[in-house]
C-alpha atoms as a PDB file:
ATOM      1  CA  MET A   1      10.742 -43.497  68.963  1.00  0.00           C
ATOM      2  CA  GLY A   2       9.873 -40.021  67.773  1.00  0.00           C
ATOM      3  CA  VAL A   3       7.514 -37.485  69.289  1.00  0.00           C
ATOM      4  CA  LEU A   4       4.817 -38.437  66.755  1.00  0.00           C
ATOM      5  CA  SER A   5       4.988 -42.190  67.206  1.00  0.00           C
ATOM      6  CA  GLY A   6       1.589 -43.811  66.634  1.00  0.00           C
ATOM      7  CA  ARG A   7       0.107 -40.811  64.873  1.00  0.00           C
ATOM      8  CA  VAL A   8      -1.155 -40.652  61.268  1.00  0.00           C
ATOM      9  CA  ALA A   9      -0.576 -37.555  59.128  1.00  0.00           C
ATOM     10  CA  LEU A  10      -2.192 -36.660  55.817  1.00  0.00           C
ATOM     11  CA  VAL A  11      -0.064 -34.077  53.977  1.00  0.00           C
ATOM     12  CA  THR A  12      -1.451 -32.528  50.799  1.00  0.00           C
ATOM     13  CA  GLY A  13       0.807 -31.486  47.952  1.00  0.00           C
ATOM     14  CA  ALA A  14       3.500 -33.730  49.422  1.00  0.00           C
ATOM     15  CA  GLY A  15       5.288 -34.804  46.272  1.00  0.00           C
ATOM     16  CA  ARG A  16       7.737 -31.909  46.257  1.00  0.00           C
ATOM     17  CA  GLY A  17       8.898 -28.738  47.962  1.00  0.00           C
ATOM     18  CA  ILE A  18       7.477 -27.833  51.356  1.00  0.00           C
ATOM     19  CA  GLY A  19       5.096 -30.793  51.385  1.00  0.00           C
ATOM     20  CA  ARG A  20       7.929 -33.237  50.826  1.00  0.00           C
ATOM     21  CA  GLY A  21       9.980 -31.662  53.592  1.00  0.00           C
ATOM     22  CA  ILE A  22       7.030 -31.861  55.995  1.00  0.00           C
ATOM     23  CA  SER A  23       6.267 -35.485  55.099  1.00  0.00           C
ATOM     24  CA  GLU A  24       9.850 -36.606  55.572  1.00  0.00           C
ATOM     25  CA  LEU A  25      10.245 -34.837  58.925  1.00  0.00           C
ATOM     26  CA  LEU A  26       6.937 -36.072  60.359  1.00  0.00           C
ATOM     27  CA  ALA A  27       7.826 -39.614  59.279  1.00  0.00           C
ATOM     28  CA  ALA A  28      11.271 -39.289  60.882  1.00  0.00           C
ATOM     29  CA  GLU A  29       9.493 -38.417  64.135  1.00  0.00           C
ATOM     30  CA  GLY A  30       7.378 -41.589  64.000  1.00  0.00           C
ATOM     31  CA  ALA A  31       4.191 -40.585  62.172  1.00  0.00           C
ATOM     32  CA  SER A  32       2.711 -42.755  59.435  1.00  0.00           C
ATOM     33  CA  VAL A  33       2.352 -40.397  56.489  1.00  0.00           C
ATOM     34  CA  ALA A  34      -0.279 -40.305  53.753  1.00  0.00           C
ATOM     35  CA  ILE A  35       1.470 -38.524  50.884  1.00  0.00           C
ATOM     36  CA  ASN A  36      -1.055 -36.708  48.716  1.00  0.00           C
ATOM     37  CA  TYR A  37      -0.290 -35.490  45.220  1.00  0.00           C
ATOM     38  CA  HIS A  38      -2.317 -34.180  42.286  1.00  0.00           C
ATOM     39  CA  SER A  39       0.154 -34.038  39.418  1.00  0.00           C
ATOM     40  CA  GLY A  40       3.679 -35.354  39.592  1.00  0.00           C
ATOM     41  CA  LYS A  41       3.289 -38.930  40.778  1.00  0.00           C
ATOM     42  CA  GLU A  42       7.032 -39.446  40.337  1.00  0.00           C
ATOM     43  CA  GLY A  43       7.737 -36.816  42.977  1.00  0.00           C
ATOM     44  CA  ALA A  44       5.337 -38.478  45.420  1.00  0.00           C
ATOM     45  CA  GLU A  45       7.032 -41.817  44.797  1.00  0.00           C
ATOM     46  CA  GLU A  46      10.405 -40.227  45.504  1.00  0.00           C
ATOM     47  CA  THR A  47       9.089 -38.850  48.805  1.00  0.00           C
ATOM     48  CA  LEU A  48       7.763 -42.328  49.614  1.00  0.00           C
ATOM     49  CA  ARG A  49      11.091 -44.011  48.813  1.00  0.00           C
ATOM     50  CA  THR A  50      12.998 -41.577  50.997  1.00  0.00           C
ATOM     51  CA  ILE A  51      10.686 -42.215  53.950  1.00  0.00           C
ATOM     52  CA  ILE A  52      10.771 -46.002  53.519  1.00  0.00           C
ATOM     53  CA  ASP A  53      14.563 -46.053  53.088  1.00  0.00           C
ATOM     54  CA  ARG A  54      14.887 -44.191  56.383  1.00  0.00           C
ATOM     55  CA  GLY A  55      12.705 -46.726  58.192  1.00  0.00           C
ATOM     56  CA  GLY A  56       9.439 -44.796  58.136  1.00  0.00           C
ATOM     57  CA  THR A  57       5.900 -45.702  57.125  1.00  0.00           C
ATOM     58  CA  ALA A  58       4.012 -44.032  54.280  1.00  0.00           C
ATOM     59  CA  LYS A  59       1.726 -44.505  51.278  1.00  0.00           C
ATOM     60  CA  ILE A  60       0.852 -42.254  48.344  1.00  0.00           C
ATOM     61  CA  TYR A  61      -2.619 -41.062  47.346  1.00  0.00           C
ATOM     62  CA  GLY A  62      -3.520 -39.198  44.174  1.00  0.00           C
ATOM     63  CA  ALA A  63      -6.295 -36.599  44.391  1.00  0.00           C
ATOM     64  CA  SER A  64      -6.801 -32.929  43.671  1.00  0.00           C
ATOM     65  CA  VAL A  65      -7.907 -31.001  46.750  1.00  0.00           C
ATOM     66  CA  ALA A  66     -10.125 -28.982  44.401  1.00  0.00           C
ATOM     67  CA  ASP A  67     -12.018 -32.182  43.555  1.00  0.00           C
ATOM     68  CA  TYR A  68     -14.119 -32.535  46.687  1.00  0.00           C
ATOM     69  CA  GLU A  69     -15.437 -36.028  45.920  1.00  0.00           C
ATOM     70  CA  ALA A  70     -11.913 -37.277  45.211  1.00  0.00           C
ATOM     71  CA  SER A  71     -10.614 -35.724  48.444  1.00  0.00           C
ATOM     72  CA  SER A  72     -13.375 -37.374  50.476  1.00  0.00           C
ATOM     73  CA  ALA A  73     -12.639 -40.725  48.856  1.00  0.00           C
ATOM     74  CA  MET A  74      -8.940 -40.276  49.628  1.00  0.00           C
ATOM     75  CA  VAL A  75      -9.665 -39.640  53.310  1.00  0.00           C
ATOM     76  CA  LYS A  76     -11.696 -42.853  53.498  1.00  0.00           C
ATOM     77  CA  GLU A  77      -8.850 -44.771  51.862  1.00  0.00           C
ATOM     78  CA  VAL A  78      -6.269 -43.374  54.268  1.00  0.00           C
ATOM     79  CA  ILE A  79      -8.445 -44.337  57.247  1.00  0.00           C
ATOM     80  CA  ARG A  80      -8.867 -47.849  55.813  1.00  0.00           C
ATOM     81  CA  ASP A  81      -5.089 -48.157  55.452  1.00  0.00           C
ATOM     82  CA  PHE A  82      -3.974 -46.603  58.748  1.00  0.00           C
ATOM     83  CA  GLY A  83      -7.027 -46.738  61.039  1.00  0.00           C
ATOM     84  CA  HIS A  84      -7.437 -43.007  61.630  1.00  0.00           C
ATOM     85  CA  ILE A  85      -6.094 -39.537  60.796  1.00  0.00           C
ATOM     86  CA  ASP A  86      -5.013 -37.260  63.637  1.00  0.00           C
ATOM     87  CA  ILE A  87      -2.775 -34.820  61.745  1.00  0.00           C
ATOM     88  CA  LEU A  88      -3.805 -32.920  58.618  1.00  0.00           C
ATOM     89  CA  VAL A  89      -1.407 -30.550  56.875  1.00  0.00           C
ATOM     90  CA  ASN A  90      -3.149 -28.399  54.266  1.00  0.00           C
ATOM     91  CA  ASN A  91      -0.149 -27.642  52.106  1.00  0.00           C
ATOM     92  CA  ALA A  92      -1.358 -28.048  48.510  1.00  0.00           C
ATOM     93  CA  GLY A  93      -1.196 -24.791  46.614  1.00  0.00           C
ATOM     94  CA  ILE A  94      -0.736 -23.137  43.247  1.00  0.00           C
ATOM     95  CA  ALA A  95       0.719 -19.797  42.201  1.00  0.00           C
ATOM     96  CA  SER A  96      -1.203 -17.010  40.519  1.00  0.00           C
ATOM     97  CA  ARG A  97      -0.068 -15.621  37.175  1.00  0.00           C
ATOM     98  CA  GLY A  98       1.266 -12.277  38.382  1.00  0.00           C
ATOM     99  CA  LYS A  99      -1.275 -10.019  36.711  1.00  0.00           C
ATOM    100  CA  ALA A 100      -2.986  -6.894  37.986  1.00  0.00           C
ATOM    101  CA  VAL A 101      -6.628  -7.154  39.040  1.00  0.00           C
ATOM    102  CA  ALA A 102      -7.720  -5.359  35.874  1.00  0.00           C
ATOM    103  CA  ASP A 103      -6.044  -8.065  33.779  1.00  0.00           C
ATOM    104  CA  THR A 104      -7.104 -11.130  35.784  1.00  0.00           C
ATOM    105  CA  ASP A 105     -10.146 -13.171  34.818  1.00  0.00           C
ATOM    106  CA  ALA A 106     -12.581 -14.805  37.239  1.00  0.00           C
ATOM    107  CA  VAL A 107     -11.505 -18.307  36.239  1.00  0.00           C
ATOM    108  CA  GLU A 108      -8.057 -17.804  37.755  1.00  0.00           C
ATOM    109  CA  VAL A 109      -9.493 -16.346  40.966  1.00  0.00           C
ATOM    110  CA  GLU A 110     -11.943 -19.228  41.321  1.00  0.00           C
ATOM    111  CA  LYS A 111      -9.176 -21.778  40.709  1.00  0.00           C
ATOM    112  CA  LEU A 112      -6.936 -20.300  43.410  1.00  0.00           C
ATOM    113  CA  LEU A 113      -9.807 -20.130  45.905  1.00  0.00           C
ATOM    114  CA  ALA A 114     -10.846 -23.703  45.077  1.00  0.00           C
ATOM    115  CA  VAL A 115      -7.384 -25.058  45.886  1.00  0.00           C
ATOM    116  CA  HIS A 116      -6.297 -22.900  48.819  1.00  0.00           C
ATOM    117  CA  ALA A 117      -9.573 -22.315  50.638  1.00  0.00           C
ATOM    118  CA  VAL A 118     -12.615 -24.284  49.502  1.00  0.00           C
ATOM    119  CA  GLY A 119     -10.640 -27.478  48.985  1.00  0.00           C
ATOM    120  CA  ALA A 120      -9.014 -27.125  52.398  1.00  0.00           C
ATOM    121  CA  HIS A 121     -12.448 -26.509  53.941  1.00  0.00           C
ATOM    122  CA  GLN A 122     -13.908 -29.674  52.446  1.00  0.00           C
ATOM    123  CA  LEU A 123     -10.854 -31.747  53.340  1.00  0.00           C
ATOM    124  CA  CYS A 124     -11.084 -30.621  56.966  1.00  0.00           C
ATOM    125  CA  ALA A 125     -14.765 -31.559  56.990  1.00  0.00           C
ATOM    126  CA  ALA A 126     -13.898 -35.025  55.681  1.00  0.00           C
ATOM    127  CA  VAL A 127     -11.103 -35.597  58.224  1.00  0.00           C
ATOM    128  CA  LEU A 128     -12.792 -34.238  61.358  1.00  0.00           C
ATOM    129  CA  PRO A 129     -15.001 -37.272  62.206  1.00  0.00           C
ATOM    130  CA  SER A 130     -11.916 -39.492  62.477  1.00  0.00           C
ATOM    131  CA  MET A 131      -9.800 -36.834  64.187  1.00  0.00           C
ATOM    132  CA  ARG A 132     -12.428 -36.245  66.869  1.00  0.00           C
ATOM    133  CA  THR A 133     -12.121 -39.879  68.001  1.00  0.00           C
ATOM    134  CA  GLN A 134      -8.451 -39.427  68.877  1.00  0.00           C
ATOM    135  CA  GLU A 135      -6.930 -38.101  72.085  1.00  0.00           C
ATOM    136  CA  ARG A 136      -5.397 -35.224  70.150  1.00  0.00           C
ATOM    137  CA  GLY A 137      -5.803 -33.803  66.661  1.00  0.00           C
ATOM    138  CA  ASP A 138      -3.753 -31.242  64.764  1.00  0.00           C
ATOM    139  CA  ILE A 139      -4.608 -29.311  61.611  1.00  0.00           C
ATOM    140  CA  VAL A 140      -1.876 -27.104  60.196  1.00  0.00           C
ATOM    141  CA  PHE A 141      -2.429 -24.726  57.288  1.00  0.00           C
ATOM    142  CA  ILE A 142       0.522 -23.677  55.152  1.00  0.00           C
ATOM    143  CA  SER A 143      -0.243 -20.061  54.308  1.00  0.00           C
ATOM    144  CA  SER A 144       2.136 -17.280  53.278  1.00  0.00           C
ATOM    145  CA  VAL A 145       3.467 -13.871  54.190  1.00  0.00           C
ATOM    146  CA  ALA A 146       1.321 -12.812  51.222  1.00  0.00           C
ATOM    147  CA  THR A 147      -1.576 -12.294  53.637  1.00  0.00           C
ATOM    148  CA  ALA A 148       0.495  -9.709  55.514  1.00  0.00           C
ATOM    149  CA  ASN A 149       2.052  -8.022  52.482  1.00  0.00           C
ATOM    150  CA  ASN A 150      -0.746  -8.230  49.890  1.00  0.00           C
ATOM    151  CA  SER A 151       1.692  -7.506  47.084  1.00  0.00           C
ATOM    152  CA  ALA A 152       0.480  -6.014  43.837  1.00  0.00           C
ATOM    153  CA  LYS A 153      -0.209  -8.412  40.963  1.00  0.00           C
ATOM    154  CA  GLY A 154      -0.970 -11.258  43.332  1.00  0.00           C
ATOM    155  CA  ALA A 155      -4.648 -10.826  44.175  1.00  0.00           C
ATOM    156  CA  PRO A 156      -5.820 -14.412  43.450  1.00  0.00           C
ATOM    157  CA  TYR A 157      -3.020 -15.905  45.578  1.00  0.00           C
ATOM    158  CA  ASN A 158      -3.417 -13.304  48.328  1.00  0.00           C
ATOM    159  CA  MET A 159      -7.168 -13.909  48.405  1.00  0.00           C
ATOM    160  CA  GLY A 160      -6.805 -17.693  48.497  1.00  0.00           C
ATOM    161  CA  LYS A 161      -4.378 -17.628  51.403  1.00  0.00           C
ATOM    162  CA  ALA A 162      -6.402 -15.012  53.301  1.00  0.00           C
ATOM    163  CA  ALA A 163      -9.529 -17.146  53.001  1.00  0.00           C
ATOM    164  CA  MET A 164      -7.505 -20.137  54.179  1.00  0.00           C
ATOM    165  CA  GLU A 165      -6.407 -18.255  57.285  1.00  0.00           C
ATOM    166  CA  ALA A 166      -9.991 -17.218  58.032  1.00  0.00           C
ATOM    167  CA  LEU A 167     -10.926 -20.903  57.873  1.00  0.00           C
ATOM    168  CA  ALA A 168      -8.100 -21.823  60.238  1.00  0.00           C
ATOM    169  CA  PHE A 169      -8.981 -19.226  62.878  1.00  0.00           C
ATOM    170  CA  THR A 170     -12.654 -20.219  62.731  1.00  0.00           C
ATOM    171  CA  LEU A 171     -11.893 -23.925  62.944  1.00  0.00           C
ATOM    172  CA  ALA A 172      -9.605 -23.395  65.937  1.00  0.00           C
ATOM    173  CA  LYS A 173     -12.566 -22.027  67.897  1.00  0.00           C
ATOM    174  CA  GLU A 174     -14.958 -24.745  66.745  1.00  0.00           C
ATOM    175  CA  GLU A 175     -12.732 -27.749  67.413  1.00  0.00           C
ATOM    176  CA  ARG A 176     -10.968 -26.803  70.645  1.00  0.00           C
ATOM    177  CA  LYS A 177     -13.637 -28.663  72.631  1.00  0.00           C
ATOM    178  CA  ASN A 178     -12.714 -31.800  70.678  1.00  0.00           C
ATOM    179  CA  GLY A 179      -9.018 -31.625  71.539  1.00  0.00           C
ATOM    180  CA  ILE A 180      -8.045 -30.462  68.048  1.00  0.00           C
ATOM    181  CA  ARG A 181      -5.409 -27.749  67.637  1.00  0.00           C
ATOM    182  CA  VAL A 182      -5.525 -25.623  64.490  1.00  0.00           C
ATOM    183  CA  ASN A 183      -2.574 -23.429  63.552  1.00  0.00           C
ATOM    184  CA  ILE A 184      -0.949 -21.655  60.616  1.00  0.00           C
ATOM    185  CA  ALA A 185       2.614 -21.655  59.306  1.00  0.00           C
ATOM    186  CA  ALA A 186       3.200 -18.674  57.016  1.00  0.00           C
ATOM    187  CA  PRO A 187       6.527 -18.839  55.163  1.00  0.00           C
ATOM    188  CA  GLY A 188       8.061 -16.185  53.003  1.00  0.00           C
ATOM    189  CA  LEU A 189      10.028 -17.066  49.891  1.00  0.00           C
ATOM    190  CA  VAL A 190      11.032 -20.743  50.030  1.00  0.00           C
ATOM    191  CA  GLU A 191      13.428 -22.532  47.689  1.00  0.00           C
ATOM    192  CA  THR A 192      10.910 -24.653  45.775  1.00  0.00           C
ATOM    193  CA  ASP A 193       9.632 -24.853  42.204  1.00  0.00           C
ATOM    194  CA  MET A 194       6.597 -22.840  43.277  1.00  0.00           C
ATOM    195  CA  GLY A 195       8.879 -20.299  44.952  1.00  0.00           C
ATOM    196  CA  VAL A 196      10.599 -19.770  41.612  1.00  0.00           C
ATOM    197  CA  ARG A 197       7.267 -19.286  39.832  1.00  0.00           C
ATOM    198  CA  LEU A 198       6.027 -16.828  42.447  1.00  0.00           C
ATOM    199  CA  SER A 199       9.276 -14.858  42.289  1.00  0.00           C
ATOM    200  CA  ARG A 200       9.095 -14.667  38.514  1.00  0.00           C
ATOM    201  CA  SER A 201       5.492 -13.482  38.533  1.00  0.00           C
ATOM    202  CA  LEU A 202       6.010 -10.845  41.224  1.00  0.00           C
ATOM    203  CA  THR A 203       9.344  -9.483  39.979  1.00  0.00           C
ATOM    204  CA  GLY A 204       8.797  -9.880  36.263  1.00  0.00           C
ATOM    205  CA  ASN A 205      12.225 -11.574  36.023  1.00  0.00           C
ATOM    206  CA  LYS A 206      11.442 -14.510  33.754  1.00  0.00           C
ATOM    207  CA  GLU A 207      15.115 -15.563  33.733  1.00  0.00           C
ATOM    208  CA  LEU A 208      15.219 -16.348  37.461  1.00  0.00           C
ATOM    209  CA  THR A 209      15.886 -20.058  38.009  1.00  0.00           C
ATOM    210  CA  ASP A 210      18.071 -20.339  41.114  1.00  0.00           C
ATOM    211  CA  LEU A 211      16.673 -18.837  44.311  1.00  0.00           C
ATOM    212  CA  ARG A 212      20.001 -19.400  46.069  1.00  0.00           C
ATOM    213  CA  SER A 213      21.264 -16.502  43.969  1.00  0.00           C
ATOM    214  CA  LEU A 214      19.222 -14.381  46.395  1.00  0.00           C
ATOM    215  CA  ASP A 215      21.043 -15.687  49.487  1.00  0.00           C
ATOM    216  CA  ASP A 216      23.160 -12.585  50.063  1.00  0.00           C
ATOM    217  CA  ASN A 217      20.048 -10.435  50.531  1.00  0.00           C
ATOM    218  CA  ALA A 218      18.083 -13.004  52.532  1.00  0.00           C
ATOM    219  CA  PRO A 219      17.789 -13.222  56.347  1.00  0.00           C
ATOM    220  CA  PHE A 220      20.606 -15.242  57.942  1.00  0.00           C
ATOM    221  CA  GLY A 221      22.374 -15.324  54.586  1.00  0.00           C
ATOM    222  CA  ARG A 222      20.129 -17.884  52.898  1.00  0.00           C
ATOM    223  CA  VAL A 223      16.713 -18.298  51.338  1.00  0.00           C
ATOM    224  CA  CYS A 224      14.241 -20.251  53.474  1.00  0.00           C
ATOM    225  CA  GLN A 225      14.333 -24.024  52.935  1.00  0.00           C
ATOM    226  CA  PRO A 226      11.423 -26.510  53.061  1.00  0.00           C
ATOM    227  CA  ASN A 227      12.804 -28.020  56.246  1.00  0.00           C
ATOM    228  CA  ASP A 228      12.586 -24.635  57.985  1.00  0.00           C
ATOM    229  CA  VAL A 229       8.831 -24.689  57.425  1.00  0.00           C
ATOM    230  CA  ALA A 230       8.625 -28.398  58.274  1.00  0.00           C
ATOM    231  CA  ASN A 231      10.143 -27.723  61.691  1.00  0.00           C
ATOM    232  CA  VAL A 232       7.383 -25.198  62.452  1.00  0.00           C
ATOM    233  CA  VAL A 233       4.780 -27.811  61.484  1.00  0.00           C
ATOM    234  CA  LEU A 234       6.493 -30.446  63.626  1.00  0.00           C
ATOM    235  CA  TRP A 235       6.405 -28.146  66.650  1.00  0.00           C
ATOM    236  CA  PHE A 236       2.709 -27.403  66.117  1.00  0.00           C
ATOM    237  CA  CYS A 237       2.027 -31.175  66.209  1.00  0.00           C
ATOM    238  CA  SER A 238       4.375 -31.982  69.093  1.00  0.00           C
ATOM    239  CA  PRO A 239       3.725 -32.289  72.837  1.00  0.00           C
ATOM    240  CA  GLY A 240       5.492 -28.957  73.335  1.00  0.00           C
ATOM    241  CA  SER A 241       2.590 -27.102  71.699  1.00  0.00           C
ATOM    242  CA  ALA A 242      -0.179 -28.852  73.638  1.00  0.00           C
ATOM    243  CA  TYR A 243      -1.579 -25.495  74.831  1.00  0.00           C
ATOM    244  CA  VAL A 244      -1.290 -23.729  71.482  1.00  0.00           C
ATOM    245  CA  THR A 245      -4.131 -23.274  68.990  1.00  0.00           C
ATOM    246  CA  GLY A 246      -5.395 -20.530  66.701  1.00  0.00           C
ATOM    247  CA  GLN A 247      -1.869 -19.201  66.146  1.00  0.00           C
ATOM    248  CA  ARG A 248       0.011 -18.013  63.071  1.00  0.00           C
ATOM    249  CA  VAL A 249       3.798 -18.323  62.931  1.00  0.00           C
ATOM    250  CA  GLN A 250       5.504 -16.348  60.188  1.00  0.00           C
ATOM    251  CA  CYS A 251       8.534 -18.334  59.015  1.00  0.00           C
ATOM    252  CA  ASP A 252      10.428 -15.718  57.021  1.00  0.00           C
ATOM    253  CA  GLY A 253      13.596 -15.023  58.967  1.00  0.00           C
ATOM    254  CA  GLY A 254      12.076 -11.878  60.430  1.00  0.00           C
ATOM    255  CA  GLY A 255      11.144 -10.354  57.085  1.00  0.00           C
ATOM    256  CA  ALA A 256      13.029  -8.715  54.277  1.00  0.00           C
ATOM    257  CA  ILE A 257      16.415  -7.197  55.068  1.00  0.00           C
ATOM    258  CA  THR A 258      16.236  -3.405  55.312  1.00  0.00           C
ATOM    259  CA  SER A 259      19.161  -0.973  55.428  1.00  0.00           C
ATOM    260  CA  TYR A 260      19.023   1.543  58.275  1.00  0.00           C
END
């Protein structure tokens, strides 16, 4: 039995990348996992097959976190299927287009905020009634080092993640009395499809396809992997973090390598 045996986790954006890594690890530790996806049903089905083949329990649910009615309906369906939700991982995200503020239209900004912040807010609101009935609840937000660096040509993404973190810190204060821990995992560059898109937009290198080509200049000799982030999430939800809430762990190998 794993440390999450008997618990039910809803992971958004779980069909690939970081979300897939989180879903597979939580399932390996005994949680029943609701695998959310928006586009890319095939990826969600692959995550599901992996979990089932390894003896875990999971189901897939299609809904955009930016569609608040669809998200609420999804939460109700998950509770019907599994009885409750006591872990929520707000992982779903999209990259911005890598343009300067002067060249970015409001539609892009609103889209990024809708996914990263407003959607996460409404999903938390939908999950909280069920989570409050459980002995323990955990909400983990997958943010980014972007909120610390605020790189140029990334304003919509930086803004979305910053608003997400503000939500997390506020929610941690509100829900502590209900036994719910709220924390943030903030990775740097991670080897995922979205990581490639972000790297292209920020560096202007449209030919970049393999992030492992950056290993030599990455901390510990390798680019961060989805499972590195998943292990932070697992710890946040485990008995070892029972006295931890309102915290932000930056999972970036200590930051960029600098020559002294």
